[in-house]
Amino acid sequence: MKFLDLLAKLGILRFGTKKAVWKSGKDLPEEFLMDDVYNAKRDLINKEDIQSAKGALTGKKKDQV
């Protein structure tokens, strides 16, 4: 994880824009549902981040978890 990604996950530094077209609330991207979230993959904690942190704590690599 890069330093800027870490700052984004902590909510310290967030930047960017998102443009989308949707027809219903089901298609609405996560970025439009929350304030100060510009890139959901970078700004929000997801399953891959949890597995990566778990692997770092146990000493295993990302692909071994």
PDB file of N, CA and C in Angstrom:
ATOM      1  N   MET A   1       0.846  -1.168   0.000  1.00  0.00           N
ATOM      2  CA  MET A   1       0.000   0.000   0.000  1.00  0.00           C
ATOM      3  C   MET A   1       0.892   1.231   0.000  1.00  0.00           C
ATOM      4  N   LYS A   2       0.585   2.153  -0.877  1.00  0.00           N
ATOM      5  CA  LYS A   2       1.361   3.380  -0.979  1.00  0.00           C
ATOM      6  C   LYS A   2       0.984   4.334   0.147  1.00  0.00           C
ATOM      7  N   PHE A   3       1.854   5.294   0.390  1.00  0.00           N
ATOM      8  CA  PHE A   3       1.632   6.252   1.469  1.00  0.00           C
ATOM      9  C   PHE A   3       0.363   7.071   1.226  1.00  0.00           C
ATOM     10  N   LEU A   4       0.138   7.512  -0.001  1.00  0.00           N
ATOM     11  CA  LEU A   4      -1.064   8.289  -0.299  1.00  0.00           C
ATOM     12  C   LEU A   4      -2.330   7.445  -0.135  1.00  0.00           C
ATOM     13  N   ASP A   5      -2.253   6.162  -0.445  1.00  0.00           N
ATOM     14  CA  ASP A   5      -3.398   5.273  -0.236  1.00  0.00           C
ATOM     15  C   ASP A   5      -3.706   5.130   1.254  1.00  0.00           C
ATOM     16  N   LEU A   6      -2.670   5.041   2.062  1.00  0.00           N
ATOM     17  CA  LEU A   6      -2.859   4.951   3.512  1.00  0.00           C
ATOM     18  C   LEU A   6      -3.530   6.217   4.047  1.00  0.00           C
ATOM     19  N   LEU A   7      -3.085   7.376   3.587  1.00  0.00           N
ATOM     20  CA  LEU A   7      -3.709   8.633   4.018  1.00  0.00           C
ATOM     21  C   LEU A   7      -5.171   8.704   3.587  1.00  0.00           C
ATOM     22  N   ALA A   8      -5.479   8.196   2.404  1.00  0.00           N
ATOM     23  CA  ALA A   8      -6.866   8.185   1.919  1.00  0.00           C
ATOM     24  C   ALA A   8      -7.722   7.255   2.765  1.00  0.00           C
ATOM     25  N   LYS A   9      -7.205   6.078   3.129  1.00  0.00           N
ATOM     26  CA  LYS A   9      -7.970   5.123   3.949  1.00  0.00           C
ATOM     27  C   LYS A   9      -8.243   5.685   5.342  1.00  0.00           C
ATOM     28  N   LEU A  10      -7.295   6.483   5.850  1.00  0.00           N
ATOM     29  CA  LEU A  10      -7.477   7.093   7.160  1.00  0.00           C
ATOM     30  C   LEU A  10      -8.368   8.328   7.115  1.00  0.00           C
ATOM     31  N   GLY A  11      -8.675   8.810   5.905  1.00  0.00           N
ATOM     32  CA  GLY A  11      -9.539   9.977   5.759  1.00  0.00           C
ATOM     33  C   GLY A  11      -8.797  11.289   5.883  1.00  0.00           C
ATOM     34  N   ILE A  12      -7.476  11.259   5.836  1.00  0.00           N
ATOM     35  CA  ILE A  12      -6.672  12.469   5.976  1.00  0.00           C
ATOM     36  C   ILE A  12      -6.562  13.208   4.650  1.00  0.00           C
ATOM     37  N   LEU A  13      -6.330  12.487   3.569  1.00  0.00           N
ATOM     38  CA  LEU A  13      -6.131  13.090   2.259  1.00  0.00           C
ATOM     39  C   LEU A  13      -7.015  12.380   1.253  1.00  0.00           C
ATOM     40  N   ARG A  14      -7.962  13.106   0.697  1.00  0.00           N
ATOM     41  CA  ARG A  14      -8.830  12.534  -0.324  1.00  0.00           C
ATOM     42  C   ARG A  14      -8.945  13.517  -1.470  1.00  0.00           C
ATOM     43  N   PHE A  15      -8.820  13.004  -2.679  1.00  0.00           N
ATOM     44  CA  PHE A  15      -8.888  13.856  -3.855  1.00  0.00           C
ATOM     45  C   PHE A  15      -9.410  13.053  -5.030  1.00  0.00           C
ATOM     46  N   GLY A  16      -9.876  13.737  -6.042  1.00  0.00           N
ATOM     47  CA  GLY A  16     -10.340  13.071  -7.246  1.00  0.00           C
ATOM     48  C   GLY A  16     -11.774  13.425  -7.567  1.00  0.00           C
ATOM     49  N   THR A  17     -12.231  12.913  -8.682  1.00  0.00           N
ATOM     50  CA  THR A  17     -13.603  13.122  -9.111  1.00  0.00           C
ATOM     51  C   THR A  17     -14.149  11.826  -9.700  1.00  0.00           C
ATOM     52  N   LYS A  18     -15.453  11.764  -9.821  1.00  0.00           N
ATOM     53  CA  LYS A  18     -16.109  10.599 -10.407  1.00  0.00           C
ATOM     54  C   LYS A  18     -17.304  11.084 -11.205  1.00  0.00           C
ATOM     55  N   LYS A  19     -17.488  10.525 -12.359  1.00  0.00           N
ATOM     56  CA  LYS A  19     -18.599  10.869 -13.223  1.00  0.00           C
ATOM     57  C   LYS A  19     -19.304   9.575 -13.603  1.00  0.00           C
ATOM     58  N   ALA A  20     -20.630   9.554 -13.462  1.00  0.00           N
ATOM     59  CA  ALA A  20     -21.358   8.323 -13.764  1.00  0.00           C
ATOM     60  C   ALA A  20     -22.786   8.643 -14.181  1.00  0.00           C
ATOM     61  N   VAL A  21     -23.394   7.695 -14.846  1.00  0.00           N
ATOM     62  CA  VAL A  21     -24.809   7.770 -15.230  1.00  0.00           C
ATOM     63  C   VAL A  21     -25.476   6.512 -14.672  1.00  0.00           C
ATOM     64  N   TRP A  22     -26.595   6.682 -14.001  1.00  0.00           N
ATOM     65  CA  TRP A  22     -27.288   5.536 -13.441  1.00  0.00           C
ATOM     66  C   TRP A  22     -28.785   5.710 -13.653  1.00  0.00           C
ATOM     67  N   LYS A  23     -29.497   4.618 -13.648  1.00  0.00           N
ATOM     68  CA  LYS A  23     -30.931   4.644 -13.913  1.00  0.00           C
ATOM     69  C   LYS A  23     -31.756   4.365 -12.660  1.00  0.00           C
ATOM     70  N   SER A  24     -31.151   3.727 -11.663  1.00  0.00           N
ATOM     71  CA  SER A  24     -31.880   3.457 -10.429  1.00  0.00           C
ATOM     72  C   SER A  24     -30.895   3.520  -9.257  1.00  0.00           C
ATOM     73  N   GLY A  25     -31.430   3.481  -8.055  1.00  0.00           N
ATOM     74  CA  GLY A  25     -30.591   3.515  -6.865  1.00  0.00           C
ATOM     75  C   GLY A  25     -29.691   2.305  -6.731  1.00  0.00           C
ATOM     76  N   LYS A  26     -30.079   1.215  -7.373  1.00  0.00           N
ATOM     77  CA  LYS A  26     -29.276   0.002  -7.343  1.00  0.00           C
ATOM     78  C   LYS A  26     -27.969   0.189  -8.112  1.00  0.00           C
ATOM     79  N   ASP A  27     -27.996   1.013  -9.142  1.00  0.00           N
ATOM     80  CA  ASP A  27     -26.819   1.265  -9.965  1.00  0.00           C
ATOM     81  C   ASP A  27     -25.951   2.404  -9.438  1.00  0.00           C
ATOM     82  N   LEU A  28     -26.400   3.097  -8.410  1.00  0.00           N
ATOM     83  CA  LEU A  28     -25.696   4.258  -7.876  1.00  0.00           C
ATOM     84  C   LEU A  28     -24.356   3.852  -7.267  1.00  0.00           C
ATOM     85  N   PRO A  29     -23.253   4.464  -7.707  1.00  0.00           N
ATOM     86  CA  PRO A  29     -21.938   4.127  -7.146  1.00  0.00           C
ATOM     87  C   PRO A  29     -21.815   4.545  -5.680  1.00  0.00           C
ATOM     88  N   GLU A  30     -20.968   3.865  -4.943  1.00  0.00           N
ATOM     89  CA  GLU A  30     -20.773   4.146  -3.518  1.00  0.00           C
ATOM     90  C   GLU A  30     -20.268   5.562  -3.282  1.00  0.00           C
ATOM     91  N   GLU A  31     -19.518   6.107  -4.243  1.00  0.00           N
ATOM     92  CA  GLU A  31     -18.962   7.438  -4.090  1.00  0.00           C
ATOM     93  C   GLU A  31     -20.050   8.497  -3.951  1.00  0.00           C
ATOM     94  N   PHE A  32     -21.195   8.286  -4.585  1.00  0.00           N
ATOM     95  CA  PHE A  32     -22.270   9.269  -4.545  1.00  0.00           C
ATOM     96  C   PHE A  32     -23.155   9.129  -3.314  1.00  0.00           C
ATOM     97  N   LEU A  33     -22.999   8.051  -2.573  1.00  0.00           N
ATOM     98  CA  LEU A  33     -23.802   7.840  -1.378  1.00  0.00           C
ATOM     99  C   LEU A  33     -23.160   8.441  -0.124  1.00  0.00           C
ATOM    100  N   MET A  34     -21.855   8.692  -0.161  1.00  0.00           N
ATOM    101  CA  MET A  34     -21.127   9.178   1.007  1.00  0.00           C
ATOM    102  C   MET A  34     -20.399  10.478   0.702  1.00  0.00           C
ATOM    103  N   ASP A  35     -20.382  11.376   1.673  1.00  0.00           N
ATOM    104  CA  ASP A  35     -19.625  12.613   1.520  1.00  0.00           C
ATOM    105  C   ASP A  35     -18.138  12.334   1.629  1.00  0.00           C
ATOM    106  N   ASP A  36     -17.346  13.119   0.951  1.00  0.00           N
ATOM    107  CA  ASP A  36     -15.875  13.063   1.001  1.00  0.00           C
ATOM    108  C   ASP A  36     -15.291  11.733   0.521  1.00  0.00           C
ATOM    109  N   VAL A  37     -16.008  10.976  -0.263  1.00  0.00           N
ATOM    110  CA  VAL A  37     -15.472   9.764  -0.884  1.00  0.00           C
ATOM    111  C   VAL A  37     -15.448  10.005  -2.381  1.00  0.00           C
ATOM    112  N   TYR A  38     -14.242  10.037  -2.947  1.00  0.00           N
ATOM    113  CA  TYR A  38     -14.090  10.328  -4.362  1.00  0.00           C
ATOM    114  C   TYR A  38     -13.735   9.084  -5.170  1.00  0.00           C
ATOM    115  N   ASN A  39     -13.127   8.114  -4.544  1.00  0.00           N
ATOM    116  CA  ASN A  39     -12.762   6.867  -5.203  1.00  0.00           C
ATOM    117  C   ASN A  39     -12.989   5.758  -4.174  1.00  0.00           C
ATOM    118  N   ALA A  40     -14.050   5.005  -4.332  1.00  0.00           N
ATOM    119  CA  ALA A  40     -14.428   4.010  -3.326  1.00  0.00           C
ATOM    120  C   ALA A  40     -13.352   2.952  -3.145  1.00  0.00           C
ATOM    121  N   LYS A  41     -12.703   2.534  -4.211  1.00  0.00           N
ATOM    122  CA  LYS A  41     -11.666   1.506  -4.093  1.00  0.00           C
ATOM    123  C   LYS A  41     -10.476   2.004  -3.279  1.00  0.00           C
ATOM    124  N   ARG A  42     -10.124   3.272  -3.431  1.00  0.00           N
ATOM    125  CA  ARG A  42      -8.980   3.814  -2.720  1.00  0.00           C
ATOM    126  C   ARG A  42      -9.357   4.335  -1.323  1.00  0.00           C
ATOM    127  N   ASP A  43     -10.523   4.967  -1.180  1.00  0.00           N
ATOM    128  CA  ASP A  43     -10.876   5.648   0.062  1.00  0.00           C
ATOM    129  C   ASP A  43     -11.515   4.738   1.111  1.00  0.00           C
ATOM    130  N   LEU A  44     -12.187   3.686   0.700  1.00  0.00           N
ATOM    131  CA  LEU A  44     -12.887   2.821   1.646  1.00  0.00           C
ATOM    132  C   LEU A  44     -12.105   1.540   1.890  1.00  0.00           C
ATOM    133  N   ILE A  45     -12.288   0.973   3.061  1.00  0.00           N
ATOM    134  CA  ILE A  45     -11.636  -0.286   3.399  1.00  0.00           C
ATOM    135  C   ILE A  45     -12.458  -1.422   2.795  1.00  0.00           C
ATOM    136  N   ASN A  46     -11.794  -2.311   2.082  1.00  0.00           N
ATOM    137  CA  ASN A  46     -12.490  -3.421   1.439  1.00  0.00           C
ATOM    138  C   ASN A  46     -11.879  -4.749   1.867  1.00  0.00           C
ATOM    139  N   LYS A  47     -12.400  -5.829   1.326  1.00  0.00           N
ATOM    140  CA  LYS A  47     -11.992  -7.179   1.724  1.00  0.00           C
ATOM    141  C   LYS A  47     -10.506  -7.432   1.471  1.00  0.00           C
ATOM    142  N   GLU A  48      -9.975  -6.926   0.355  1.00  0.00           N
ATOM    143  CA  GLU A  48      -8.561  -7.123   0.036  1.00  0.00           C
ATOM    144  C   GLU A  48      -7.653  -6.429   1.057  1.00  0.00           C
ATOM    145  N   ASP A  49      -8.090  -5.279   1.562  1.00  0.00           N
ATOM    146  CA  ASP A  49      -7.304  -4.574   2.570  1.00  0.00           C
ATOM    147  C   ASP A  49      -7.231  -5.374   3.874  1.00  0.00           C
ATOM    148  N   ILE A  50      -8.324  -5.987   4.242  1.00  0.00           N
ATOM    149  CA  ILE A  50      -8.363  -6.799   5.463  1.00  0.00           C
ATOM    150  C   ILE A  50      -7.437  -8.006   5.314  1.00  0.00           C
ATOM    151  N   GLN A  51      -7.498  -8.666   4.151  1.00  0.00           N
ATOM    152  CA  GLN A  51      -6.642  -9.831   3.927  1.00  0.00           C
ATOM    153  C   GLN A  51      -5.173  -9.432   3.882  1.00  0.00           C
ATOM    154  N   SER A  52      -4.879  -8.285   3.309  1.00  0.00           N
ATOM    155  CA  SER A  52      -3.510  -7.804   3.241  1.00  0.00           C
ATOM    156  C   SER A  52      -2.968  -7.502   4.640  1.00  0.00           C
ATOM    157  N   ALA A  53      -3.784  -6.864   5.473  1.00  0.00           N
ATOM    158  CA  ALA A  53      -3.369  -6.559   6.841  1.00  0.00           C
ATOM    159  C   ALA A  53      -3.192  -7.838   7.660  1.00  0.00           C
ATOM    160  N   LYS A  54      -4.088  -8.792   7.455  1.00  0.00           N
ATOM    161  CA  LYS A  54      -3.986 -10.073   8.161  1.00  0.00           C
ATOM    162  C   LYS A  54      -2.698 -10.798   7.779  1.00  0.00           C
ATOM    163  N   GLY A  55      -2.387 -10.775   6.484  1.00  0.00           N
ATOM    164  CA  GLY A  55      -1.159 -11.406   6.017  1.00  0.00           C
ATOM    165  C   GLY A  55       0.080 -10.714   6.544  1.00  0.00           C
ATOM    166  N   ALA A  56       0.044  -9.396   6.646  1.00  0.00           N
ATOM    167  CA  ALA A  56       1.194  -8.654   7.172  1.00  0.00           C
ATOM    168  C   ALA A  56       1.418  -8.967   8.655  1.00  0.00           C
ATOM    169  N   LEU A  57       0.329  -9.153   9.395  1.00  0.00           N
ATOM    170  CA  LEU A  57       0.461  -9.442  10.826  1.00  0.00           C
ATOM    171  C   LEU A  57       0.921 -10.880  11.078  1.00  0.00           C
ATOM    172  N   THR A  58       0.532 -11.803  10.217  1.00  0.00           N
ATOM    173  CA  THR A  58       0.928 -13.190  10.415  1.00  0.00           C
ATOM    174  C   THR A  58       2.231 -13.546   9.718  1.00  0.00           C
ATOM    175  N   GLY A  59       2.715 -12.617   8.895  1.00  0.00           N
ATOM    176  CA  GLY A  59       3.983 -12.843   8.207  1.00  0.00           C
ATOM    177  C   GLY A  59       3.843 -13.560   6.874  1.00  0.00           C
ATOM    178  N   LYS A  60       2.610 -13.748   6.415  1.00  0.00           N
ATOM    179  CA  LYS A  60       2.378 -14.396   5.126  1.00  0.00           C
ATOM    180  C   LYS A  60       2.250 -13.346   4.046  1.00  0.00           C
ATOM    181  N   LYS A  61       2.542 -13.733   2.824  1.00  0.00           N
ATOM    182  CA  LYS A  61       2.380 -12.813   1.717  1.00  0.00           C
ATOM    183  C   LYS A  61       0.917 -12.761   1.305  1.00  0.00           C
ATOM    184  N   LYS A  62       0.574 -11.754   0.498  1.00  0.00           N
ATOM    185  CA  LYS A  62      -0.804 -11.516   0.088  1.00  0.00           C
ATOM    186  C   LYS A  62      -1.436 -12.724  -0.607  1.00  0.00           C
ATOM    187  N   ASP A  63      -0.668 -13.377  -1.495  1.00  0.00           N
ATOM    188  CA  ASP A  63      -1.220 -14.499  -2.240  1.00  0.00           C
ATOM    189  C   ASP A  63      -1.276 -15.792  -1.431  1.00  0.00           C
ATOM    190  N   GLN A  64      -0.632 -15.836  -0.279  1.00  0.00           N
ATOM    191  CA  GLN A  64      -0.628 -17.043   0.545  1.00  0.00           C
ATOM    192  C   GLN A  64      -1.781 -17.071   1.543  1.00  0.00           C
ATOM    193  N   VAL A  65      -2.481 -15.965   1.749  1.00  0.00           N
ATOM    194  CA  VAL A  65      -3.526 -15.877   2.759  1.00  0.00           C
ATOM    195  C   VAL A  65      -4.738 -16.610   2.360  1.00  0.00           C
TER     196      VAL A  65
END
